Amino acid sequence: MTALKSQTMSHEAGIGKVERNPVANIWLAALTIILALFATCTLVLVAWPILAWIGAKFGG
């Protein structure tokens, strides 16, 4: 029981020591922005004709 407890505590202590590479942070931020812009543009391009069709069909 003591060995298991010490392993768990040493594992939990090691979690906080992991540091990400600063260049990886920049790439992650850039890819996140690109993905967000792509998703936004895709939703706009898909939703715009649908909303126009709904407006034409039910709006009179």
PDB file of N, CA and C in Angstrom:
ATOM      1  N   MET A   1       0.822  -1.186   0.000  1.00  0.00           N
ATOM      2  CA  MET A   1       0.000   0.000   0.000  1.00  0.00           C
ATOM      3  C   MET A   1       0.867   1.251   0.000  1.00  0.00           C
ATOM      4  N   THR A   2       1.967   1.210   0.729  1.00  0.00           N
ATOM      5  CA  THR A   2       2.836   2.377   0.789  1.00  0.00           C
ATOM      6  C   THR A   2       3.514   2.623  -0.551  1.00  0.00           C
ATOM      7  N   ALA A   3       3.928   1.551  -1.225  1.00  0.00           N
ATOM      8  CA  ALA A   3       4.588   1.700  -2.522  1.00  0.00           C
ATOM      9  C   ALA A   3       3.620   2.295  -3.545  1.00  0.00           C
ATOM     10  N   LEU A   4       2.380   1.854  -3.513  1.00  0.00           N
ATOM     11  CA  LEU A   4       1.395   2.383  -4.444  1.00  0.00           C
ATOM     12  C   LEU A   4       1.137   3.857  -4.168  1.00  0.00           C
ATOM     13  N   LYS A   5       1.058   4.215  -2.911  1.00  0.00           N
ATOM     14  CA  LYS A   5       0.824   5.612  -2.549  1.00  0.00           C
ATOM     15  C   LYS A   5       1.992   6.482  -2.978  1.00  0.00           C
ATOM     16  N   SER A   6       3.215   6.019  -2.798  1.00  0.00           N
ATOM     17  CA  SER A   6       4.370   6.819  -3.189  1.00  0.00           C
ATOM     18  C   SER A   6       4.446   6.967  -4.706  1.00  0.00           C
ATOM     19  N   GLN A   7       4.071   5.928  -5.443  1.00  0.00           N
ATOM     20  CA  GLN A   7       4.058   6.028  -6.898  1.00  0.00           C
ATOM     21  C   GLN A   7       3.016   7.048  -7.359  1.00  0.00           C
ATOM     22  N   THR A   8       1.861   7.012  -6.743  1.00  0.00           N
ATOM     23  CA  THR A   8       0.807   7.945  -7.121  1.00  0.00           C
ATOM     24  C   THR A   8       1.229   9.378  -6.813  1.00  0.00           C
ATOM     25  N   MET A   9       1.839   9.598  -5.680  1.00  0.00           N
ATOM     26  CA  MET A   9       2.250  10.944  -5.309  1.00  0.00           C
ATOM     27  C   MET A   9       3.367  11.439  -6.223  1.00  0.00           C
ATOM     28  N   SER A  10       4.318  10.576  -6.566  1.00  0.00           N
ATOM     29  CA  SER A  10       5.399  11.011  -7.446  1.00  0.00           C
ATOM     30  C   SER A  10       4.871  11.280  -8.849  1.00  0.00           C
ATOM     31  N   HIS A  11       3.874  10.514  -9.279  1.00  0.00           N
ATOM     32  CA  HIS A  11       3.272  10.754 -10.592  1.00  0.00           C
ATOM     33  C   HIS A  11       2.546  12.099 -10.596  1.00  0.00           C
ATOM     34  N   GLU A  12       1.793  12.390  -9.555  1.00  0.00           N
ATOM     35  CA  GLU A  12       1.073  13.662  -9.487  1.00  0.00           C
ATOM     36  C   GLU A  12       2.041  14.836  -9.412  1.00  0.00           C
ATOM     37  N   ALA A  13       3.161  14.653  -8.743  1.00  0.00           N
ATOM     38  CA  ALA A  13       4.147  15.725  -8.653  1.00  0.00           C
ATOM     39  C   ALA A  13       4.794  15.974 -10.007  1.00  0.00           C
ATOM     40  N   GLY A  14       4.925  14.939 -10.828  1.00  0.00           N
ATOM     41  CA  GLY A  14       5.548  15.086 -12.134  1.00  0.00           C
ATOM     42  C   GLY A  14       4.651  15.750 -13.166  1.00  0.00           C
ATOM     43  N   ILE A  15       3.353  15.777 -12.931  1.00  0.00           N
ATOM     44  CA  ILE A  15       2.431  16.358 -13.909  1.00  0.00           C
ATOM     45  C   ILE A  15       2.679  17.853 -14.048  1.00  0.00           C
ATOM     46  N   GLY A  16       2.921  18.536 -12.956  1.00  0.00           N
ATOM     47  CA  GLY A  16       3.112  19.976 -13.009  1.00  0.00           C
ATOM     48  C   GLY A  16       4.433  20.399 -13.625  1.00  0.00           C
ATOM     49  N   LYS A  17       5.361  19.494 -13.780  1.00  0.00           N
ATOM     50  CA  LYS A  17       6.679  19.847 -14.298  1.00  0.00           C
ATOM     51  C   LYS A  17       6.750  19.839 -15.826  1.00  0.00           C
ATOM     52  N   VAL A  18       5.709  19.344 -16.496  1.00  0.00           N
ATOM     53  CA  VAL A  18       5.718  19.264 -17.952  1.00  0.00           C
ATOM     54  C   VAL A  18       5.526  20.664 -18.517  1.00  0.00           C
ATOM     55  N   GLU A  19       6.465  21.075 -19.367  1.00  0.00           N
ATOM     56  CA  GLU A  19       6.361  22.393 -19.992  1.00  0.00           C
ATOM     57  C   GLU A  19       6.347  22.205 -21.501  1.00  0.00           C
ATOM     58  N   ARG A  20       5.483  22.956 -22.159  1.00  0.00           N
ATOM     59  CA  ARG A  20       5.388  22.870 -23.609  1.00  0.00           C
ATOM     60  C   ARG A  20       6.409  23.818 -24.233  1.00  0.00           C
ATOM     61  N   ASN A  21       6.909  23.408 -25.365  1.00  0.00           N
ATOM     62  CA  ASN A  21       7.854  24.222 -26.118  1.00  0.00           C
ATOM     63  C   ASN A  21       7.173  25.541 -26.529  1.00  0.00           C
ATOM     64  N   PRO A  22       7.824  26.701 -26.350  1.00  0.00           N
ATOM     65  CA  PRO A  22       7.203  27.978 -26.737  1.00  0.00           C
ATOM     66  C   PRO A  22       6.841  28.039 -28.223  1.00  0.00           C
ATOM     67  N   VAL A  23       7.652  27.412 -29.077  1.00  0.00           N
ATOM     68  CA  VAL A  23       7.335  27.391 -30.503  1.00  0.00           C
ATOM     69  C   VAL A  23       6.057  26.584 -30.728  1.00  0.00           C
ATOM     70  N   ALA A  24       5.872  25.526 -29.953  1.00  0.00           N
ATOM     71  CA  ALA A  24       4.650  24.729 -30.066  1.00  0.00           C
ATOM     72  C   ALA A  24       3.441  25.559 -29.656  1.00  0.00           C
ATOM     73  N   ASN A  25       3.594  26.425 -28.668  1.00  0.00           N
ATOM     74  CA  ASN A  25       2.495  27.298 -28.266  1.00  0.00           C
ATOM     75  C   ASN A  25       2.104  28.240 -29.397  1.00  0.00           C
ATOM     76  N   ILE A  26       3.089  28.766 -30.116  1.00  0.00           N
ATOM     77  CA  ILE A  26       2.805  29.680 -31.225  1.00  0.00           C
ATOM     78  C   ILE A  26       2.083  28.929 -32.343  1.00  0.00           C
ATOM     79  N   TRP A  27       2.581  27.734 -32.671  1.00  0.00           N
ATOM     80  CA  TRP A  27       1.928  26.937 -33.711  1.00  0.00           C
ATOM     81  C   TRP A  27       0.509  26.565 -33.308  1.00  0.00           C
ATOM     82  N   LEU A  28       0.321  26.200 -32.049  1.00  0.00           N
ATOM     83  CA  LEU A  28      -1.007  25.831 -31.569  1.00  0.00           C
ATOM     84  C   LEU A  28      -1.964  27.012 -31.664  1.00  0.00           C
ATOM     85  N   ALA A  29      -1.502  28.200 -31.309  1.00  0.00           N
ATOM     86  CA  ALA A  29      -2.342  29.399 -31.405  1.00  0.00           C
ATOM     87  C   ALA A  29      -2.678  29.704 -32.863  1.00  0.00           C
ATOM     88  N   ALA A  30      -1.693  29.604 -33.745  1.00  0.00           N
ATOM     89  CA  ALA A  30      -1.919  29.896 -35.157  1.00  0.00           C
ATOM     90  C   ALA A  30      -2.904  28.899 -35.766  1.00  0.00           C
ATOM     91  N   LEU A  31      -2.728  27.629 -35.481  1.00  0.00           N
ATOM     92  CA  LEU A  31      -3.642  26.623 -36.028  1.00  0.00           C
ATOM     93  C   LEU A  31      -5.046  26.767 -35.456  1.00  0.00           C
ATOM     94  N   THR A  32      -5.148  27.177 -34.197  1.00  0.00           N
ATOM     95  CA  THR A  32      -6.460  27.398 -33.595  1.00  0.00           C
ATOM     96  C   THR A  32      -7.181  28.543 -34.279  1.00  0.00           C
ATOM     97  N   ILE A  33      -6.462  29.627 -34.564  1.00  0.00           N
ATOM     98  CA  ILE A  33      -7.069  30.776 -35.249  1.00  0.00           C
ATOM     99  C   ILE A  33      -7.487  30.391 -36.663  1.00  0.00           C
ATOM    100  N   ILE A  34      -6.622  29.664 -37.366  1.00  0.00           N
ATOM    101  CA  ILE A  34      -6.946  29.240 -38.730  1.00  0.00           C
ATOM    102  C   ILE A  34      -8.177  28.336 -38.730  1.00  0.00           C
ATOM    103  N   LEU A  35      -8.236  27.400 -37.792  1.00  0.00           N
ATOM    104  CA  LEU A  35      -9.380  26.505 -37.712  1.00  0.00           C
ATOM    105  C   LEU A  35     -10.662  27.279 -37.387  1.00  0.00           C
ATOM    106  N   ALA A  36     -10.581  28.252 -36.487  1.00  0.00           N
ATOM    107  CA  ALA A  36     -11.758  29.053 -36.137  1.00  0.00           C
ATOM    108  C   ALA A  36     -12.242  29.864 -37.335  1.00  0.00           C
ATOM    109  N   LEU A  37     -11.318  30.451 -38.093  1.00  0.00           N
ATOM    110  CA  LEU A  37     -11.703  31.212 -39.281  1.00  0.00           C
ATOM    111  C   LEU A  37     -12.315  30.301 -40.345  1.00  0.00           C
ATOM    112  N   PHE A  38     -11.727  29.131 -40.528  1.00  0.00           N
ATOM    113  CA  PHE A  38     -12.261  28.181 -41.502  1.00  0.00           C
ATOM    114  C   PHE A  38     -13.673  27.750 -41.121  1.00  0.00           C
ATOM    115  N   ALA A  39     -13.876  27.451 -39.856  1.00  0.00           N
ATOM    116  CA  ALA A  39     -15.206  27.026 -39.404  1.00  0.00           C
ATOM    117  C   ALA A  39     -16.218  28.156 -39.565  1.00  0.00           C
ATOM    118  N   THR A  40     -15.817  29.376 -39.238  1.00  0.00           N
ATOM    119  CA  THR A  40     -16.731  30.517 -39.369  1.00  0.00           C
ATOM    120  C   THR A  40     -17.095  30.755 -40.827  1.00  0.00           C
ATOM    121  N   CYS A  41     -16.112  30.758 -41.710  1.00  0.00           N
ATOM    122  CA  CYS A  41     -16.384  30.976 -43.130  1.00  0.00           C
ATOM    123  C   CYS A  41     -17.253  29.863 -43.699  1.00  0.00           C
ATOM    124  N   THR A  42     -17.003  28.641 -43.299  1.00  0.00           N
ATOM    125  CA  THR A  42     -17.797  27.522 -43.789  1.00  0.00           C
ATOM    126  C   THR A  42     -19.243  27.648 -43.332  1.00  0.00           C
ATOM    127  N   LEU A  43     -19.442  27.989 -42.073  1.00  0.00           N
ATOM    128  CA  LEU A  43     -20.806  28.144 -41.583  1.00  0.00           C
ATOM    129  C   LEU A  43     -21.527  29.272 -42.293  1.00  0.00           C
ATOM    130  N   VAL A  44     -20.823  30.379 -42.548  1.00  0.00           N
ATOM    131  CA  VAL A  44     -21.448  31.507 -43.241  1.00  0.00           C
ATOM    132  C   VAL A  44     -21.808  31.120 -44.664  1.00  0.00           C
ATOM    133  N   LEU A  45     -20.901  30.447 -45.366  1.00  0.00           N
ATOM    134  CA  LEU A  45     -21.171  30.068 -46.747  1.00  0.00           C
ATOM    135  C   LEU A  45     -22.297  29.039 -46.865  1.00  0.00           C
ATOM    136  N   VAL A  46     -22.453  28.211 -45.859  1.00  0.00           N
ATOM    137  CA  VAL A  46     -23.523  27.220 -45.877  1.00  0.00           C
ATOM    138  C   VAL A  46     -24.836  27.841 -45.414  1.00  0.00           C
ATOM    139  N   ALA A  47     -24.787  28.659 -44.383  1.00  0.00           N
ATOM    140  CA  ALA A  47     -26.009  29.205 -43.800  1.00  0.00           C
ATOM    141  C   ALA A  47     -26.617  30.308 -44.666  1.00  0.00           C
ATOM    142  N   TRP A  48     -25.785  31.073 -45.372  1.00  0.00           N
ATOM    143  CA  TRP A  48     -26.296  32.214 -46.145  1.00  0.00           C
ATOM    144  C   TRP A  48     -27.325  31.793 -47.201  1.00  0.00           C
ATOM    145  N   PRO A  49     -27.043  30.821 -48.058  1.00  0.00           N
ATOM    146  CA  PRO A  49     -28.059  30.417 -49.039  1.00  0.00           C
ATOM    147  C   PRO A  49     -29.306  29.801 -48.398  1.00  0.00           C
ATOM    148  N   ILE A  50     -29.099  29.077 -47.312  1.00  0.00           N
ATOM    149  CA  ILE A  50     -30.253  28.462 -46.633  1.00  0.00           C
ATOM    150  C   ILE A  50     -31.162  29.545 -46.063  1.00  0.00           C
ATOM    151  N   LEU A  51     -30.572  30.543 -45.407  1.00  0.00           N
ATOM    152  CA  LEU A  51     -31.371  31.636 -44.858  1.00  0.00           C
ATOM    153  C   LEU A  51     -32.032  32.445 -45.973  1.00  0.00           C
ATOM    154  N   ALA A  52     -31.340  32.641 -47.083  1.00  0.00           N
ATOM    155  CA  ALA A  52     -31.934  33.356 -48.213  1.00  0.00           C
ATOM    156  C   ALA A  52     -33.104  32.563 -48.790  1.00  0.00           C
ATOM    157  N   TRP A  53     -32.958  31.237 -48.882  1.00  0.00           N
ATOM    158  CA  TRP A  53     -34.043  30.414 -49.402  1.00  0.00           C
ATOM    159  C   TRP A  53     -35.254  30.447 -48.464  1.00  0.00           C
ATOM    160  N   ILE A  54     -34.987  30.367 -47.162  1.00  0.00           N
ATOM    161  CA  ILE A  54     -36.076  30.421 -46.184  1.00  0.00           C
ATOM    162  C   ILE A  54     -36.785  31.780 -46.266  1.00  0.00           C
ATOM    163  N   GLY A  55     -35.989  32.830 -46.388  1.00  0.00           N
ATOM    164  CA  GLY A  55     -36.590  34.157 -46.507  1.00  0.00           C
ATOM    165  C   GLY A  55     -37.425  34.313 -47.760  1.00  0.00           C
ATOM    166  N   ALA A  56     -36.962  33.763 -48.874  1.00  0.00           N
ATOM    167  CA  ALA A  56     -37.702  33.855 -50.119  1.00  0.00           C
ATOM    168  C   ALA A  56     -38.958  32.979 -50.092  1.00  0.00           C
ATOM    169  N   LYS A  57     -38.836  31.821 -49.438  1.00  0.00           N
ATOM    170  CA  LYS A  57     -39.964  30.869 -49.419  1.00  0.00           C
ATOM    171  C   LYS A  57     -41.074  31.332 -48.483  1.00  0.00           C
ATOM    172  N   PHE A  58     -40.689  31.780 -47.278  1.00  0.00           N
ATOM    173  CA  PHE A  58     -41.691  32.091 -46.264  1.00  0.00           C
ATOM    174  C   PHE A  58     -41.880  33.591 -46.045  1.00  0.00           C
ATOM    175  N   GLY A  59     -40.958  34.393 -46.561  1.00  0.00           N
ATOM    176  CA  GLY A  59     -41.049  35.823 -46.329  1.00  0.00           C
ATOM    177  C   GLY A  59     -41.955  36.529 -47.326  1.00  0.00           C
ATOM    178  N   GLY A  60     -42.228  35.874 -48.405  1.00  0.00           N
ATOM    179  CA  GLY A  60     -43.124  36.471 -49.380  1.00  0.00           C
ATOM    180  C   GLY A  60     -42.372  37.041 -50.467  1.00  0.00           C
TER     181      GLY A  60
END
